[in-house]
Amino acid sequence: MMMRVQAMMVLLNLIGNILVLVTLAYYENVKSLTNIFILNLAVSDLLFTVGLPFWACYYIWGWTLGDAAWR
């Protein structure tokens, strides 16, 4: 049950942040200070979201990706 909730949160977060980036790329002037802040927030949230499943699995099961991924 908890894994489904986490997967749904990650999926919705990815979709939302990608939509923000696409909207900024197509319709907005990125030279505005407000749009730069929104762009930075969307990119940082997207990077956090991509790493979140690995972080959650690490704390639930320990490191399972082997030594090659660690180094």
N, C-alpha and C. Protein backbone atom coordinates (compact mmCIF):
# COMPACT_ATOMS: atom_id res chain seq x y z
N MET A 1 0.82 -1.19 0.00
CA MET A 1 0.00 0.00 0.00
C MET A 1 0.87 1.26 0.00
N MET A 2 1.88 1.28 0.85
CA MET A 2 2.73 2.46 0.96
C MET A 2 3.55 2.68 -0.31
N MET A 3 3.98 1.59 -0.95
CA MET A 3 4.76 1.74 -2.18
C MET A 3 3.90 2.32 -3.30
N ARG A 4 2.63 1.97 -3.34
CA ARG A 4 1.74 2.53 -4.36
C ARG A 4 1.55 4.02 -4.16
N VAL A 5 1.42 4.42 -2.91
CA VAL A 5 1.26 5.84 -2.61
C VAL A 5 2.53 6.60 -3.02
N GLN A 6 3.68 6.06 -2.69
CA GLN A 6 4.94 6.71 -3.06
C GLN A 6 5.11 6.75 -4.57
N ALA A 7 4.76 5.69 -5.25
CA ALA A 7 4.88 5.66 -6.72
C ALA A 7 3.95 6.69 -7.34
N MET A 8 2.75 6.83 -6.82
CA MET A 8 1.80 7.81 -7.33
C MET A 8 2.30 9.23 -7.07
N MET A 9 2.89 9.47 -5.91
CA MET A 9 3.44 10.80 -5.60
C MET A 9 4.58 11.14 -6.54
N VAL A 10 5.47 10.19 -6.80
CA VAL A 10 6.60 10.43 -7.69
C VAL A 10 6.10 10.69 -9.11
N LEU A 11 5.15 9.90 -9.56
CA LEU A 11 4.61 10.07 -10.91
C LEU A 11 3.93 11.43 -11.08
N LEU A 12 3.11 11.82 -10.13
CA LEU A 12 2.44 13.12 -10.21
C LEU A 12 3.43 14.28 -10.13
N ASN A 13 4.45 14.12 -9.32
CA ASN A 13 5.47 15.16 -9.20
C ASN A 13 6.26 15.29 -10.49
N LEU A 14 6.60 14.18 -11.11
CA LEU A 14 7.32 14.22 -12.39
C LEU A 14 6.48 14.90 -13.47
N ILE A 15 5.21 14.52 -13.55
CA ILE A 15 4.33 15.11 -14.56
C ILE A 15 4.17 16.60 -14.32
N GLY A 16 3.94 16.99 -13.08
CA GLY A 16 3.74 18.40 -12.76
C GLY A 16 4.94 19.25 -13.07
N ASN A 17 6.12 18.79 -12.68
CA ASN A 17 7.33 19.58 -12.91
C ASN A 17 7.71 19.63 -14.38
N ILE A 18 7.48 18.55 -15.10
CA ILE A 18 7.74 18.58 -16.54
C ILE A 18 6.79 19.54 -17.23
N LEU A 19 5.53 19.59 -16.80
CA LEU A 19 4.59 20.54 -17.36
C LEU A 19 5.00 21.99 -17.08
N VAL A 20 5.53 22.24 -15.89
CA VAL A 20 6.02 23.59 -15.57
C VAL A 20 7.19 23.95 -16.47
N LEU A 21 8.11 23.03 -16.68
CA LEU A 21 9.26 23.31 -17.55
C LEU A 21 8.84 23.53 -18.99
N VAL A 22 7.89 22.73 -19.48
CA VAL A 22 7.40 22.90 -20.85
C VAL A 22 6.69 24.23 -21.00
N THR A 23 5.89 24.61 -20.01
CA THR A 23 5.19 25.89 -20.06
C THR A 23 6.17 27.05 -20.06
N LEU A 24 7.18 26.97 -19.23
CA LEU A 24 8.18 28.03 -19.21
C LEU A 24 8.96 28.10 -20.52
N ALA A 25 9.22 26.95 -21.11
CA ALA A 25 10.00 26.94 -22.35
C ALA A 25 9.21 27.50 -23.52
N TYR A 26 7.93 27.24 -23.57
CA TYR A 26 7.14 27.64 -24.75
C TYR A 26 6.47 29.00 -24.62
N TYR A 27 5.99 29.34 -23.44
CA TYR A 27 5.12 30.49 -23.34
C TYR A 27 5.66 31.68 -22.55
N GLU A 28 6.66 31.49 -21.76
CA GLU A 28 7.10 32.56 -20.87
C GLU A 28 8.47 33.09 -21.27
N ASN A 29 8.70 34.31 -20.84
CA ASN A 29 10.02 34.94 -20.99
C ASN A 29 10.85 34.54 -19.78
N VAL A 30 11.91 33.79 -20.00
CA VAL A 30 12.70 33.26 -18.90
C VAL A 30 13.62 34.33 -18.30
N LYS A 31 13.71 35.48 -18.92
CA LYS A 31 14.58 36.53 -18.41
C LYS A 31 13.98 37.25 -17.21
N SER A 32 12.73 37.02 -16.92
CA SER A 32 12.10 37.60 -15.75
C SER A 32 12.64 36.92 -14.49
N LEU A 33 12.86 37.68 -13.45
CA LEU A 33 13.42 37.13 -12.22
C LEU A 33 12.47 36.11 -11.59
N THR A 34 11.18 36.37 -11.63
CA THR A 34 10.21 35.42 -11.09
C THR A 34 10.24 34.10 -11.85
N ASN A 35 10.34 34.17 -13.16
CA ASN A 35 10.37 32.94 -13.96
C ASN A 35 11.67 32.17 -13.75
N ILE A 36 12.76 32.86 -13.50
CA ILE A 36 14.02 32.17 -13.18
C ILE A 36 13.89 31.41 -11.86
N PHE A 37 13.25 32.03 -10.87
CA PHE A 37 13.03 31.34 -9.59
C PHE A 37 12.13 30.12 -9.77
N ILE A 38 11.07 30.26 -10.56
CA ILE A 38 10.17 29.13 -10.81
C ILE A 38 10.90 28.02 -11.55
N LEU A 39 11.74 28.39 -12.52
CA LEU A 39 12.52 27.40 -13.26
C LEU A 39 13.49 26.66 -12.34
N ASN A 40 14.18 27.38 -11.47
CA ASN A 40 15.10 26.75 -10.53
C ASN A 40 14.36 25.82 -9.56
N LEU A 41 13.20 26.25 -9.10
CA LEU A 41 12.43 25.42 -8.19
C LEU A 41 11.95 24.15 -8.88
N ALA A 42 11.49 24.26 -10.12
CA ALA A 42 11.01 23.08 -10.85
C ALA A 42 12.15 22.11 -11.13
N VAL A 43 13.31 22.62 -11.51
CA VAL A 43 14.45 21.74 -11.79
C VAL A 43 14.94 21.05 -10.51
N SER A 44 15.04 21.79 -9.42
CA SER A 44 15.51 21.17 -8.18
C SER A 44 14.50 20.16 -7.66
N ASP A 45 13.21 20.46 -7.78
CA ASP A 45 12.19 19.51 -7.35
C ASP A 45 12.20 18.27 -8.24
N LEU A 46 12.46 18.44 -9.52
CA LEU A 46 12.54 17.31 -10.44
C LEU A 46 13.73 16.41 -10.09
N LEU A 47 14.87 17.01 -9.79
CA LEU A 47 16.05 16.22 -9.40
C LEU A 47 15.82 15.47 -8.09
N PHE A 48 15.16 16.14 -7.15
CA PHE A 48 14.84 15.48 -5.88
C PHE A 48 13.88 14.32 -6.10
N THR A 49 12.90 14.51 -6.98
CA THR A 49 11.92 13.47 -7.25
C THR A 49 12.55 12.25 -7.92
N VAL A 50 13.52 12.48 -8.80
CA VAL A 50 14.19 11.36 -9.46
C VAL A 50 14.99 10.55 -8.44
N GLY A 51 15.60 11.20 -7.47
CA GLY A 51 16.39 10.49 -6.47
C GLY A 51 15.60 9.92 -5.31
N LEU A 52 14.36 10.36 -5.15
CA LEU A 52 13.56 9.95 -3.99
C LEU A 52 13.29 8.44 -3.92
N PRO A 53 12.96 7.76 -5.01
CA PRO A 53 12.74 6.31 -4.89
C PRO A 53 14.00 5.55 -4.44
N PHE A 54 15.17 5.97 -4.92
CA PHE A 54 16.41 5.32 -4.49
C PHE A 54 16.66 5.54 -3.01
N TRP A 55 16.38 6.75 -2.54
CA TRP A 55 16.56 7.09 -1.13
C TRP A 55 15.61 6.27 -0.26
N ALA A 56 14.36 6.16 -0.70
CA ALA A 56 13.38 5.40 0.07
C ALA A 56 13.74 3.91 0.12
N CYS A 57 14.16 3.35 -1.00
CA CYS A 57 14.56 1.93 -1.03
C CYS A 57 15.79 1.68 -0.18
N TYR A 58 16.70 2.64 -0.15
CA TYR A 58 17.90 2.50 0.68
C TYR A 58 17.53 2.39 2.15
N TYR A 59 16.59 3.21 2.60
CA TYR A 59 16.22 3.17 4.01
C TYR A 59 15.29 2.02 4.35
N ILE A 60 14.61 1.46 3.37
CA ILE A 60 13.74 0.32 3.65
C ILE A 60 14.53 -0.99 3.62
N TRP A 61 15.30 -1.21 2.55
CA TRP A 61 15.97 -2.50 2.35
C TRP A 61 17.49 -2.43 2.44
N GLY A 62 18.07 -1.28 2.56
CA GLY A 62 19.52 -1.16 2.52
C GLY A 62 19.99 -1.01 1.09
N TRP A 63 21.29 -0.92 0.90
CA TRP A 63 21.83 -0.71 -0.44
C TRP A 63 21.77 -2.01 -1.22
N THR A 64 20.97 -2.04 -2.30
CA THR A 64 20.78 -3.27 -3.08
C THR A 64 21.34 -3.15 -4.49
N LEU A 65 21.94 -2.04 -4.84
CA LEU A 65 22.42 -1.85 -6.21
C LEU A 65 23.84 -2.34 -6.45
N GLY A 66 24.49 -2.84 -5.44
CA GLY A 66 25.82 -3.41 -5.61
C GLY A 66 26.94 -2.39 -5.46
N ASP A 67 28.18 -2.88 -5.50
CA ASP A 67 29.34 -2.03 -5.28
C ASP A 67 29.59 -1.10 -6.46
N ALA A 68 29.24 -1.50 -7.67
CA ALA A 68 29.50 -0.66 -8.84
C ALA A 68 28.71 0.64 -8.78
N ALA A 69 27.49 0.60 -8.31
CA ALA A 69 26.67 1.80 -8.22
C ALA A 69 27.09 2.67 -7.04
N TRP A 70 27.71 2.07 -6.04
CA TRP A 70 28.15 2.81 -4.86
C TRP A 70 29.34 3.70 -5.18
N ARG A 71 30.23 3.21 -6.03
CA ARG A 71 31.47 3.95 -6.32
C ARG A 71 31.33 4.67 -7.57
